[in-house]
Amino acid sequence: MRRRRHGSPQSHGRAGGGGRWLGGTDRVLRAMLLSPFVRQRLCGLFSAERVEDLESLKELIEAGSVTPVFDRTYRLSELPEAIRYLRESGARGKVVITM
């Protein structure tokens, strides 16, 4: 049995993959093509970042109005326990691994 690799050679290190020309758009196209043949309705979402929105978000973060929610923190030696917690509990925030 072959192990499936994460990512593809075409992804060139980008998070979503999709190859050199399509970026992440290939997932949207596959969803549109597959949608008529499955029970779920598959669709895509496109978004564009606006400088004004990013500046507003930056101001909120710097003012302390937006803060991340940490559910639990584990040491690296406790990694199996952290993974077990994620699988079984449905964490309500980020689970952090410290080194």
PDB file of N, CA and C in Angstrom:
ATOM      1  N   MET A   1       0.841  -1.178   0.000  1.00  0.00           N
ATOM      2  CA  MET A   1       0.000   0.000   0.000  1.00  0.00           C
ATOM      3  C   MET A   1       0.886   1.241   0.000  1.00  0.00           C
ATOM      4  N   ARG A   2       0.620   2.157  -0.901  1.00  0.00           N
ATOM      5  CA  ARG A   2       1.398   3.392  -0.983  1.00  0.00           C
ATOM      6  C   ARG A   2       0.835   4.419  -0.033  1.00  0.00           C
ATOM      7  N   ARG A   3       1.703   5.161   0.590  1.00  0.00           N
ATOM      8  CA  ARG A   3       1.264   6.240   1.458  1.00  0.00           C
ATOM      9  C   ARG A   3       0.990   7.469   0.617  1.00  0.00           C
ATOM     10  N   ARG A   4      -0.041   8.167   0.959  1.00  0.00           N
ATOM     11  CA  ARG A   4      -0.402   9.376   0.234  1.00  0.00           C
ATOM     12  C   ARG A   4       0.421  10.549   0.750  1.00  0.00           C
ATOM     13  N   ARG A   5       1.018  11.274  -0.151  1.00  0.00           N
ATOM     14  CA  ARG A   5       1.811  12.432   0.239  1.00  0.00           C
ATOM     15  C   ARG A   5       0.904  13.629   0.417  1.00  0.00           C
ATOM     16  N   HIS A   6       1.250  14.454   1.367  1.00  0.00           N
ATOM     17  CA  HIS A   6       0.509  15.701   1.549  1.00  0.00           C
ATOM     18  C   HIS A   6       1.053  16.717   0.568  1.00  0.00           C
ATOM     19  N   GLY A   7       0.176  17.436  -0.080  1.00  0.00           N
ATOM     20  CA  GLY A   7       0.602  18.402  -1.078  1.00  0.00           C
ATOM     21  C   GLY A   7       0.928  17.710  -2.383  1.00  0.00           C
ATOM     22  N   SER A   8       1.321  18.456  -3.351  1.00  0.00           N
ATOM     23  CA  SER A   8       1.682  17.878  -4.634  1.00  0.00           C
ATOM     24  C   SER A   8       2.941  18.565  -5.134  1.00  0.00           C
ATOM     25  N   PRO A   9       3.628  17.944  -6.067  1.00  0.00           N
ATOM     26  CA  PRO A   9       4.825  18.583  -6.594  1.00  0.00           C
ATOM     27  C   PRO A   9       4.521  19.927  -7.238  1.00  0.00           C
ATOM     28  N   GLN A  10       3.307  20.109  -7.706  1.00  0.00           N
ATOM     29  CA  GLN A  10       2.947  21.355  -8.368  1.00  0.00           C
ATOM     30  C   GLN A  10       2.654  22.485  -7.399  1.00  0.00           C
ATOM     31  N   SER A  11       2.506  22.190  -6.099  1.00  0.00           N
ATOM     32  CA  SER A  11       2.068  23.222  -5.167  1.00  0.00           C
ATOM     33  C   SER A  11       3.148  24.251  -4.887  1.00  0.00           C
ATOM     34  N   HIS A  12       4.402  23.919  -5.111  1.00  0.00           N
ATOM     35  CA  HIS A  12       5.509  24.854  -4.930  1.00  0.00           C
ATOM     36  C   HIS A  12       5.478  25.529  -3.579  1.00  0.00           C
ATOM     37  N   GLY A  13       5.097  24.774  -2.511  1.00  0.00           N
ATOM     38  CA  GLY A  13       5.153  25.296  -1.169  1.00  0.00           C
ATOM     39  C   GLY A  13       3.982  26.165  -0.764  1.00  0.00           C
ATOM     40  N   ARG A  14       3.006  26.362  -1.609  1.00  0.00           N
ATOM     41  CA  ARG A  14       1.859  27.180  -1.229  1.00  0.00           C
ATOM     42  C   ARG A  14       0.892  26.342  -0.446  1.00  0.00           C
ATOM     43  N   ALA A  15       0.227  26.944   0.512  1.00  0.00           N
ATOM     44  CA  ALA A  15      -0.735  26.215   1.352  1.00  0.00           C
ATOM     45  C   ALA A  15      -1.939  25.834   0.557  1.00  0.00           C
ATOM     46  N   GLY A  16      -2.539  25.375  -0.003  1.00  0.00           N
ATOM     47  CA  GLY A  16      -3.683  25.005  -0.751  1.00  0.00           C
ATOM     48  C   GLY A  16      -3.352  24.252  -1.995  1.00  0.00           C
ATOM     49  N   GLY A  17      -2.084  24.317  -2.433  1.00  0.00           N
ATOM     50  CA  GLY A  17      -1.705  23.580  -3.610  1.00  0.00           C
ATOM     51  C   GLY A  17      -2.405  24.099  -4.841  1.00  0.00           C
ATOM     52  N   GLY A  18      -2.786  23.220  -5.723  1.00  0.00           N
ATOM     53  CA  GLY A  18      -3.553  23.611  -6.878  1.00  0.00           C
ATOM     54  C   GLY A  18      -2.722  23.822  -8.120  1.00  0.00           C
ATOM     55  N   GLY A  19      -1.440  23.694  -8.021  1.00  0.00           N
ATOM     56  CA  GLY A  19      -0.626  23.812  -9.211  1.00  0.00           C
ATOM     57  C   GLY A  19      -0.188  25.228  -9.496  1.00  0.00           C
ATOM     58  N   ARG A  20       0.565  25.326 -10.554  1.00  0.00           N
ATOM     59  CA  ARG A  20       1.191  26.593 -10.914  1.00  0.00           C
ATOM     60  C   ARG A  20       0.187  27.611 -11.436  1.00  0.00           C
ATOM     61  N   TRP A  21      -0.829  27.191 -12.159  1.00  0.00           N
ATOM     62  CA  TRP A  21      -1.729  28.135 -12.815  1.00  0.00           C
ATOM     63  C   TRP A  21      -3.022  28.357 -12.071  1.00  0.00           C
ATOM     64  N   LEU A  22      -3.524  27.364 -11.357  1.00  0.00           N
ATOM     65  CA  LEU A  22      -4.837  27.499 -10.742  1.00  0.00           C
ATOM     66  C   LEU A  22      -4.809  27.928  -9.280  1.00  0.00           C
ATOM     67  N   GLY A  23      -3.668  27.825  -8.619  1.00  0.00           N
ATOM     68  CA  GLY A  23      -3.643  28.143  -7.194  1.00  0.00           C
ATOM     69  C   GLY A  23      -4.607  27.224  -6.471  1.00  0.00           C
ATOM     70  N   GLY A  24      -5.474  27.750  -5.626  1.00  0.00           N
ATOM     71  CA  GLY A  24      -6.461  26.936  -4.923  1.00  0.00           C
ATOM     72  C   GLY A  24      -7.762  26.784  -5.692  1.00  0.00           C
ATOM     73  N   THR A  25      -7.843  27.379  -6.870  1.00  0.00           N
ATOM     74  CA  THR A  25      -9.082  27.373  -7.651  1.00  0.00           C
ATOM     75  C   THR A  25      -9.447  25.979  -8.135  1.00  0.00           C
ATOM     76  N   ASP A  26      -8.483  25.074  -8.212  1.00  0.00           N
ATOM     77  CA  ASP A  26      -8.786  23.733  -8.711  1.00  0.00           C
ATOM     78  C   ASP A  26      -9.810  23.031  -7.823  1.00  0.00           C
ATOM     79  N   ARG A  27      -9.780  23.290  -6.522  1.00  0.00           N
ATOM     80  CA  ARG A  27     -10.766  22.676  -5.616  1.00  0.00           C
ATOM     81  C   ARG A  27     -12.180  23.151  -5.941  1.00  0.00           C
ATOM     82  N   VAL A  28     -12.317  24.424  -6.231  1.00  0.00           N
ATOM     83  CA  VAL A  28     -13.630  24.970  -6.563  1.00  0.00           C
ATOM     84  C   VAL A  28     -14.137  24.346  -7.855  1.00  0.00           C
ATOM     85  N   LEU A  29     -13.274  24.246  -8.835  1.00  0.00           N
ATOM     86  CA  LEU A  29     -13.681  23.652 -10.113  1.00  0.00           C
ATOM     87  C   LEU A  29     -14.084  22.185  -9.944  1.00  0.00           C
ATOM     88  N   ARG A  30     -13.298  21.427  -9.152  1.00  0.00           N
ATOM     89  CA  ARG A  30     -13.654  20.026  -8.909  1.00  0.00           C
ATOM     90  C   ARG A  30     -14.987  19.918  -8.183  1.00  0.00           C
ATOM     91  N   ALA A  31     -15.248  20.820  -7.226  1.00  0.00           N
ATOM     92  CA  ALA A  31     -16.512  20.796  -6.493  1.00  0.00           C
ATOM     93  C   ALA A  31     -17.678  21.053  -7.434  1.00  0.00           C
ATOM     94  N   MET A  32     -17.524  22.014  -8.335  1.00  0.00           N
ATOM     95  CA  MET A  32     -18.599  22.321  -9.277  1.00  0.00           C
ATOM     96  C   MET A  32     -18.874  21.138 -10.205  1.00  0.00           C
ATOM     97  N   LEU A  33     -17.815  20.446 -10.625  1.00  0.00           N
ATOM     98  CA  LEU A  33     -17.992  19.300 -11.512  1.00  0.00           C
ATOM     99  C   LEU A  33     -18.585  18.095 -10.780  1.00  0.00           C
ATOM    100  N   LEU A  34     -18.246  17.931  -9.535  1.00  0.00           N
ATOM    101  CA  LEU A  34     -18.698  16.788  -8.758  1.00  0.00           C
ATOM    102  C   LEU A  34     -20.096  16.981  -8.174  1.00  0.00           C
ATOM    103  N   SER A  35     -20.503  18.212  -7.949  1.00  0.00           N
ATOM    104  CA  SER A  35     -21.751  18.526  -7.256  1.00  0.00           C
ATOM    105  C   SER A  35     -22.993  17.819  -7.811  1.00  0.00           C
ATOM    106  N   PRO A  36     -23.178  17.709  -9.124  1.00  0.00           N
ATOM    107  CA  PRO A  36     -24.389  17.052  -9.618  1.00  0.00           C
ATOM    108  C   PRO A  36     -24.470  15.556  -9.283  1.00  0.00           C
ATOM    109  N   PHE A  37     -23.364  14.952  -8.892  1.00  0.00           N
ATOM    110  CA  PHE A  37     -23.331  13.512  -8.689  1.00  0.00           C
ATOM    111  C   PHE A  37     -23.315  13.084  -7.220  1.00  0.00           C
ATOM    112  N   VAL A  38     -23.388  14.019  -6.303  1.00  0.00           N
ATOM    113  CA  VAL A  38     -23.381  13.695  -4.873  1.00  0.00           C
ATOM    114  C   VAL A  38     -24.573  14.348  -4.192  1.00  0.00           C
ATOM    115  N   ARG A  39     -24.913  13.864  -2.992  1.00  0.00           N
ATOM    116  CA  ARG A  39     -26.064  14.413  -2.271  1.00  0.00           C
ATOM    117  C   ARG A  39     -25.844  15.845  -1.806  1.00  0.00           C
ATOM    118  N   GLN A  40     -24.624  16.140  -1.379  1.00  0.00           N
ATOM    119  CA  GLN A  40     -24.344  17.483  -0.891  1.00  0.00           C
ATOM    120  C   GLN A  40     -24.220  18.459  -2.049  1.00  0.00           C
ATOM    121  N   ARG A  41     -24.515  19.693  -1.770  1.00  0.00           N
ATOM    122  CA  ARG A  41     -24.307  20.735  -2.773  1.00  0.00           C
ATOM    123  C   ARG A  41     -22.935  21.324  -2.519  1.00  0.00           C
ATOM    124  N   LEU A  42     -22.017  21.127  -3.431  1.00  0.00           N
ATOM    125  CA  LEU A  42     -20.657  21.615  -3.280  1.00  0.00           C
ATOM    126  C   LEU A  42     -20.512  22.935  -4.015  1.00  0.00           C
ATOM    127  N   CYS A  43     -19.920  23.893  -3.350  1.00  0.00           N
ATOM    128  CA  CYS A  43     -19.700  25.181  -3.992  1.00  0.00           C
ATOM    129  C   CYS A  43     -18.388  25.763  -3.499  1.00  0.00           C
ATOM    130  N   GLY A  44     -17.944  26.798  -4.109  1.00  0.00           N
ATOM    131  CA  GLY A  44     -16.676  27.416  -3.744  1.00  0.00           C
ATOM    132  C   GLY A  44     -16.886  28.789  -3.155  1.00  0.00           C
ATOM    133  N   LEU A  45     -15.825  29.280  -2.557  1.00  0.00           N
ATOM    134  CA  LEU A  45     -15.852  30.605  -1.965  1.00  0.00           C
ATOM    135  C   LEU A  45     -14.601  31.342  -2.402  1.00  0.00           C
ATOM    136  N   PHE A  46     -14.781  32.482  -2.976  1.00  0.00           N
ATOM    137  CA  PHE A  46     -13.655  33.328  -3.356  1.00  0.00           C
ATOM    138  C   PHE A  46     -13.686  34.558  -2.472  1.00  0.00           C
ATOM    139  N   SER A  47     -12.532  35.035  -2.117  1.00  0.00           N
ATOM    140  CA  SER A  47     -12.474  36.264  -1.333  1.00  0.00           C
ATOM    141  C   SER A  47     -11.269  37.075  -1.771  1.00  0.00           C
ATOM    142  N   ALA A  48     -11.336  38.326  -1.490  1.00  0.00           N
ATOM    143  CA  ALA A  48     -10.225  39.214  -1.789  1.00  0.00           C
ATOM    144  C   ALA A  48      -9.954  40.060  -0.556  1.00  0.00           C
ATOM    145  N   GLU A  49      -8.687  40.221  -0.227  1.00  0.00           N
ATOM    146  CA  GLU A  49      -8.330  41.042   0.912  1.00  0.00           C
ATOM    147  C   GLU A  49      -8.343  42.504   0.488  1.00  0.00           C
ATOM    148  N   ARG A  50      -8.924  43.323   1.333  1.00  0.00           N
ATOM    149  CA  ARG A  50      -8.892  44.766   1.064  1.00  0.00           C
ATOM    150  C   ARG A  50      -7.958  45.404   2.084  1.00  0.00           C
ATOM    151  N   VAL A  51      -7.133  46.310   1.622  1.00  0.00           N
ATOM    152  CA  VAL A  51      -6.156  46.962   2.494  1.00  0.00           C
ATOM    153  C   VAL A  51      -6.846  47.619   3.685  1.00  0.00           C
ATOM    154  N   GLU A  52      -7.987  48.264   3.456  1.00  0.00           N
ATOM    155  CA  GLU A  52      -8.702  48.944   4.543  1.00  0.00           C
ATOM    156  C   GLU A  52      -9.106  47.951   5.628  1.00  0.00           C
ATOM    157  N   ASP A  53      -9.583  46.772   5.213  1.00  0.00           N
ATOM    158  CA  ASP A  53      -9.995  45.754   6.183  1.00  0.00           C
ATOM    159  C   ASP A  53      -8.812  45.246   6.984  1.00  0.00           C
ATOM    160  N   LEU A  54      -7.688  45.003   6.308  1.00  0.00           N
ATOM    161  CA  LEU A  54      -6.494  44.523   6.989  1.00  0.00           C
ATOM    162  C   LEU A  54      -5.961  45.564   7.969  1.00  0.00           C
ATOM    163  N   GLU A  55      -6.018  46.836   7.592  1.00  0.00           N
ATOM    164  CA  GLU A  55      -5.570  47.899   8.499  1.00  0.00           C
ATOM    165  C   GLU A  55      -6.479  47.982   9.727  1.00  0.00           C
ATOM    166  N   SER A  56      -7.791  47.835   9.516  1.00  0.00           N
ATOM    167  CA  SER A  56      -8.725  47.846  10.649  1.00  0.00           C
ATOM    168  C   SER A  56      -8.463  46.675  11.577  1.00  0.00           C
ATOM    169  N   LEU A  57      -8.231  45.513  11.015  1.00  0.00           N
ATOM    170  CA  LEU A  57      -7.936  44.328  11.815  1.00  0.00           C
ATOM    171  C   LEU A  57      -6.638  44.514  12.594  1.00  0.00           C
ATOM    172  N   LYS A  58      -5.632  45.075  11.950  1.00  0.00           N
ATOM    173  CA  LYS A  58      -4.351  45.346  12.619  1.00  0.00           C
ATOM    174  C   LYS A  58      -4.558  46.259  13.818  1.00  0.00           C
ATOM    175  N   GLU A  59      -5.360  47.311  13.655  1.00  0.00           N
ATOM    176  CA  GLU A  59      -5.625  48.238  14.759  1.00  0.00           C
ATOM    177  C   GLU A  59      -6.333  47.530  15.914  1.00  0.00           C
ATOM    178  N   LEU A  60      -7.292  46.682  15.603  1.00  0.00           N
ATOM    179  CA  LEU A  60      -8.005  45.946  16.651  1.00  0.00           C
ATOM    180  C   LEU A  60      -7.063  45.010  17.416  1.00  0.00           C
ATOM    181  N   ILE A  61      -6.182  44.332  16.686  1.00  0.00           N
ATOM    182  CA  ILE A  61      -5.237  43.420  17.328  1.00  0.00           C
ATOM    183  C   ILE A  61      -4.268  44.200  18.211  1.00  0.00           C
ATOM    184  N   GLU A  62      -3.740  45.302  17.685  1.00  0.00           N
ATOM    185  CA  GLU A  62      -2.805  46.109  18.471  1.00  0.00           C
ATOM    186  C   GLU A  62      -3.459  46.718  19.701  1.00  0.00           C
ATOM    187  N   ALA A  63      -4.762  47.012  19.631  1.00  0.00           N
ATOM    188  CA  ALA A  63      -5.484  47.588  20.772  1.00  0.00           C
ATOM    189  C   ALA A  63      -5.862  46.513  21.797  1.00  0.00           C
ATOM    190  N   GLY A  64      -5.662  45.241  21.436  1.00  0.00           N
ATOM    191  CA  GLY A  64      -6.001  44.162  22.354  1.00  0.00           C
ATOM    192  C   GLY A  64      -7.467  43.768  22.309  1.00  0.00           C
ATOM    193  N   SER A  65      -8.200  44.248  21.319  1.00  0.00           N
ATOM    194  CA  SER A  65      -9.623  43.919  21.191  1.00  0.00           C
ATOM    195  C   SER A  65      -9.854  42.534  20.605  1.00  0.00           C
ATOM    196  N   VAL A  66      -8.878  42.030  19.876  1.00  0.00           N
ATOM    197  CA  VAL A  66      -8.966  40.704  19.279  1.00  0.00           C
ATOM    198  C   VAL A  66      -7.850  39.860  19.886  1.00  0.00           C
ATOM    199  N   THR A  67      -8.228  38.797  20.539  1.00  0.00           N
ATOM    200  CA  THR A  67      -7.223  37.922  21.142  1.00  0.00           C
ATOM    201  C   THR A  67      -7.544  36.475  20.804  1.00  0.00           C
ATOM    202  N   PRO A  68      -6.523  35.662  20.633  1.00  0.00           N
ATOM    203  CA  PRO A  68      -6.774  34.245  20.340  1.00  0.00           C
ATOM    204  C   PRO A  68      -7.299  33.527  21.583  1.00  0.00           C
ATOM    205  N   VAL A  69      -8.059  32.480  21.360  1.00  0.00           N
ATOM    206  CA  VAL A  69      -8.585  31.678  22.459  1.00  0.00           C
ATOM    207  C   VAL A  69      -7.776  30.394  22.536  1.00  0.00           C
ATOM    208  N   PHE A  70      -7.085  30.215  23.659  1.00  0.00           N
ATOM    209  CA  PHE A  70      -6.301  29.002  23.887  1.00  0.00           C
ATOM    210  C   PHE A  70      -7.101  28.082  24.785  1.00  0.00           C
ATOM    211  N   ASP A  71      -7.371  26.888  24.311  1.00  0.00           N
ATOM    212  CA  ASP A  71      -8.096  25.908  25.097  1.00  0.00           C
ATOM    213  C   ASP A  71      -7.176  25.268  26.120  1.00  0.00           C
ATOM    214  N   ARG A  72      -6.077  24.694  25.633  1.00  0.00           N
ATOM    215  CA  ARG A  72      -5.112  24.028  26.505  1.00  0.00           C
ATOM    216  C   ARG A  72      -3.717  24.171  25.925  1.00  0.00           C
ATOM    217  N   THR A  73      -2.742  24.040  26.821  1.00  0.00           N
ATOM    218  CA  THR A  73      -1.339  24.062  26.428  1.00  0.00           C
ATOM    219  C   THR A  73      -0.680  22.772  26.898  1.00  0.00           C
ATOM    220  N   TYR A  74       0.079  22.148  26.013  1.00  0.00           N
ATOM    221  CA  TYR A  74       0.794  20.907  26.325  1.00  0.00           C
ATOM    222  C   TYR A  74       2.267  21.087  26.013  1.00  0.00           C
ATOM    223  N   ARG A  75       3.115  20.392  26.755  1.00  0.00           N
ATOM    224  CA  ARG A  75       4.535  20.327  26.417  1.00  0.00           C
ATOM    225  C   ARG A  75       4.700  19.344  25.261  1.00  0.00           C
ATOM    226  N   LEU A  76       5.806  19.472  24.550  1.00  0.00           N
ATOM    227  CA  LEU A  76       6.061  18.587  23.413  1.00  0.00           C
ATOM    228  C   LEU A  76       6.047  17.124  23.840  1.00  0.00           C
ATOM    229  N   SER A  77       6.528  16.844  25.041  1.00  0.00           N
ATOM    230  CA  SER A  77       6.534  15.459  25.534  1.00  0.00           C
ATOM    231  C   SER A  77       5.123  14.920  25.773  1.00  0.00           C
ATOM    232  N   GLU A  78       4.130  15.807  25.820  1.00  0.00           N
ATOM    233  CA  GLU A  78       2.732  15.409  26.033  1.00  0.00           C
ATOM    234  C   GLU A  78       1.930  15.380  24.734  1.00  0.00           C
ATOM    235  N   LEU A  79       2.620  15.368  23.606  1.00  0.00           N
ATOM    236  CA  LEU A  79       1.959  15.427  22.307  1.00  0.00           C
ATOM    237  C   LEU A  79       0.894  14.355  22.110  1.00  0.00           C
ATOM    238  N   PRO A  80       1.140  13.081  22.455  1.00  0.00           N
ATOM    239  CA  PRO A  80       0.071  12.085  22.278  1.00  0.00           C
ATOM    240  C   PRO A  80      -1.193  12.428  23.064  1.00  0.00           C
ATOM    241  N   GLU A  81      -1.028  12.956  24.260  1.00  0.00           N
ATOM    242  CA  GLU A  81      -2.190  13.352  25.062  1.00  0.00           C
ATOM    243  C   GLU A  81      -2.932  14.520  24.404  1.00  0.00           C
ATOM    244  N   ALA A  82      -2.179  15.463  23.826  1.00  0.00           N
ATOM    245  CA  ALA A  82      -2.794  16.606  23.147  1.00  0.00           C
ATOM    246  C   ALA A  82      -3.608  16.152  21.943  1.00  0.00           C
ATOM    247  N   ILE A  83      -3.058  15.226  21.176  1.00  0.00           N
ATOM    248  CA  ILE A  83      -3.771  14.709  20.002  1.00  0.00           C
ATOM    249  C   ILE A  83      -5.027  13.972  20.441  1.00  0.00           C
ATOM    250  N   ARG A  84      -4.920  13.179  21.485  1.00  0.00           N
ATOM    251  CA  ARG A  84      -6.072  12.468  22.029  1.00  0.00           C
ATOM    252  C   ARG A  84      -7.160  13.473  22.458  1.00  0.00           C
ATOM    253  N   TYR A  85      -6.736  14.547  23.112  1.00  0.00           N
ATOM    254  CA  TYR A  85      -7.688  15.575  23.548  1.00  0.00           C
ATOM    255  C   TYR A  85      -8.402  16.196  22.346  1.00  0.00           C
ATOM    256  N   LEU A  86      -7.666  16.504  21.290  1.00  0.00           N
ATOM    257  CA  LEU A  86      -8.278  17.081  20.088  1.00  0.00           C
ATOM    258  C   LEU A  86      -9.302  16.140  19.472  1.00  0.00           C
ATOM    259  N   ARG A  87      -8.959  14.865  19.397  1.00  0.00           N
ATOM    260  CA  ARG A  87      -9.859  13.886  18.774  1.00  0.00           C
ATOM    261  C   ARG A  87     -11.119  13.642  19.591  1.00  0.00           C
ATOM    262  N   GLU A  88     -10.977  13.614  20.911  1.00  0.00           N
ATOM    263  CA  GLU A  88     -12.087  13.181  21.754  1.00  0.00           C
ATOM    264  C   GLU A  88     -12.925  14.310  22.334  1.00  0.00           C
ATOM    265  N   SER A  89     -12.374  15.495  22.483  1.00  0.00           N
ATOM    266  CA  SER A  89     -13.095  16.511  23.244  1.00  0.00           C
ATOM    267  C   SER A  89     -13.786  17.567  22.404  1.00  0.00           C
ATOM    268  N   GLY A  90     -13.319  17.792  21.209  1.00  0.00           N
ATOM    269  CA  GLY A  90     -13.862  18.900  20.429  1.00  0.00           C
ATOM    270  C   GLY A  90     -13.421  20.210  21.053  1.00  0.00           C
ATOM    271  N   ALA A  91     -12.132  20.495  21.017  1.00  0.00           N
ATOM    272  CA  ALA A  91     -11.554  21.670  21.644  1.00  0.00           C
ATOM    273  C   ALA A  91     -12.306  22.938  21.233  1.00  0.00           C
ATOM    274  N   ARG A  92     -12.460  23.853  22.178  1.00  0.00           N
ATOM    275  CA  ARG A  92     -13.188  25.090  21.938  1.00  0.00           C
ATOM    276  C   ARG A  92     -12.264  26.259  21.581  1.00  0.00           C
ATOM    277  N   GLY A  93     -10.987  26.007  21.530  1.00  0.00           N
ATOM    278  CA  GLY A  93     -10.000  27.020  21.177  1.00  0.00           C
ATOM    279  C   GLY A  93      -8.776  26.333  20.623  1.00  0.00           C
ATOM    280  N   LYS A  94      -7.698  27.077  20.522  1.00  0.00           N
ATOM    281  CA  LYS A  94      -6.452  26.513  20.011  1.00  0.00           C
ATOM    282  C   LYS A  94      -5.805  25.623  21.072  1.00  0.00           C
ATOM    283  N   VAL A  95      -5.259  24.515  20.629  1.00  0.00           N
ATOM    284  CA  VAL A  95      -4.466  23.656  21.501  1.00  0.00           C
ATOM    285  C   VAL A  95      -3.009  23.936  21.137  1.00  0.00           C
ATOM    286  N   VAL A  96      -2.241  24.382  22.116  1.00  0.00           N
ATOM    287  CA  VAL A  96      -0.872  24.859  21.880  1.00  0.00           C
ATOM    288  C   VAL A  96       0.122  23.832  22.380  1.00  0.00           C
ATOM    289  N   ILE A  97       1.144  23.584  21.587  1.00  0.00           N
ATOM    290  CA  ILE A  97       2.245  22.694  21.970  1.00  0.00           C
ATOM    291  C   ILE A  97       3.466  23.577  22.189  1.00  0.00           C
ATOM    292  N   THR A  98       4.031  23.530  23.400  1.00  0.00           N
ATOM    293  CA  THR A  98       5.220  24.321  23.703  1.00  0.00           C
ATOM    294  C   THR A  98       6.459  23.452  23.625  1.00  0.00           C
ATOM    295  N   MET A  99       7.573  24.069  23.285  1.00  0.00           N
ATOM    296  CA  MET A  99       8.843  23.339  23.172  1.00  0.00           C
ATOM    297  C   MET A  99       9.792  23.808  24.252  1.00  0.00           C
TER     298      MET A  99
END
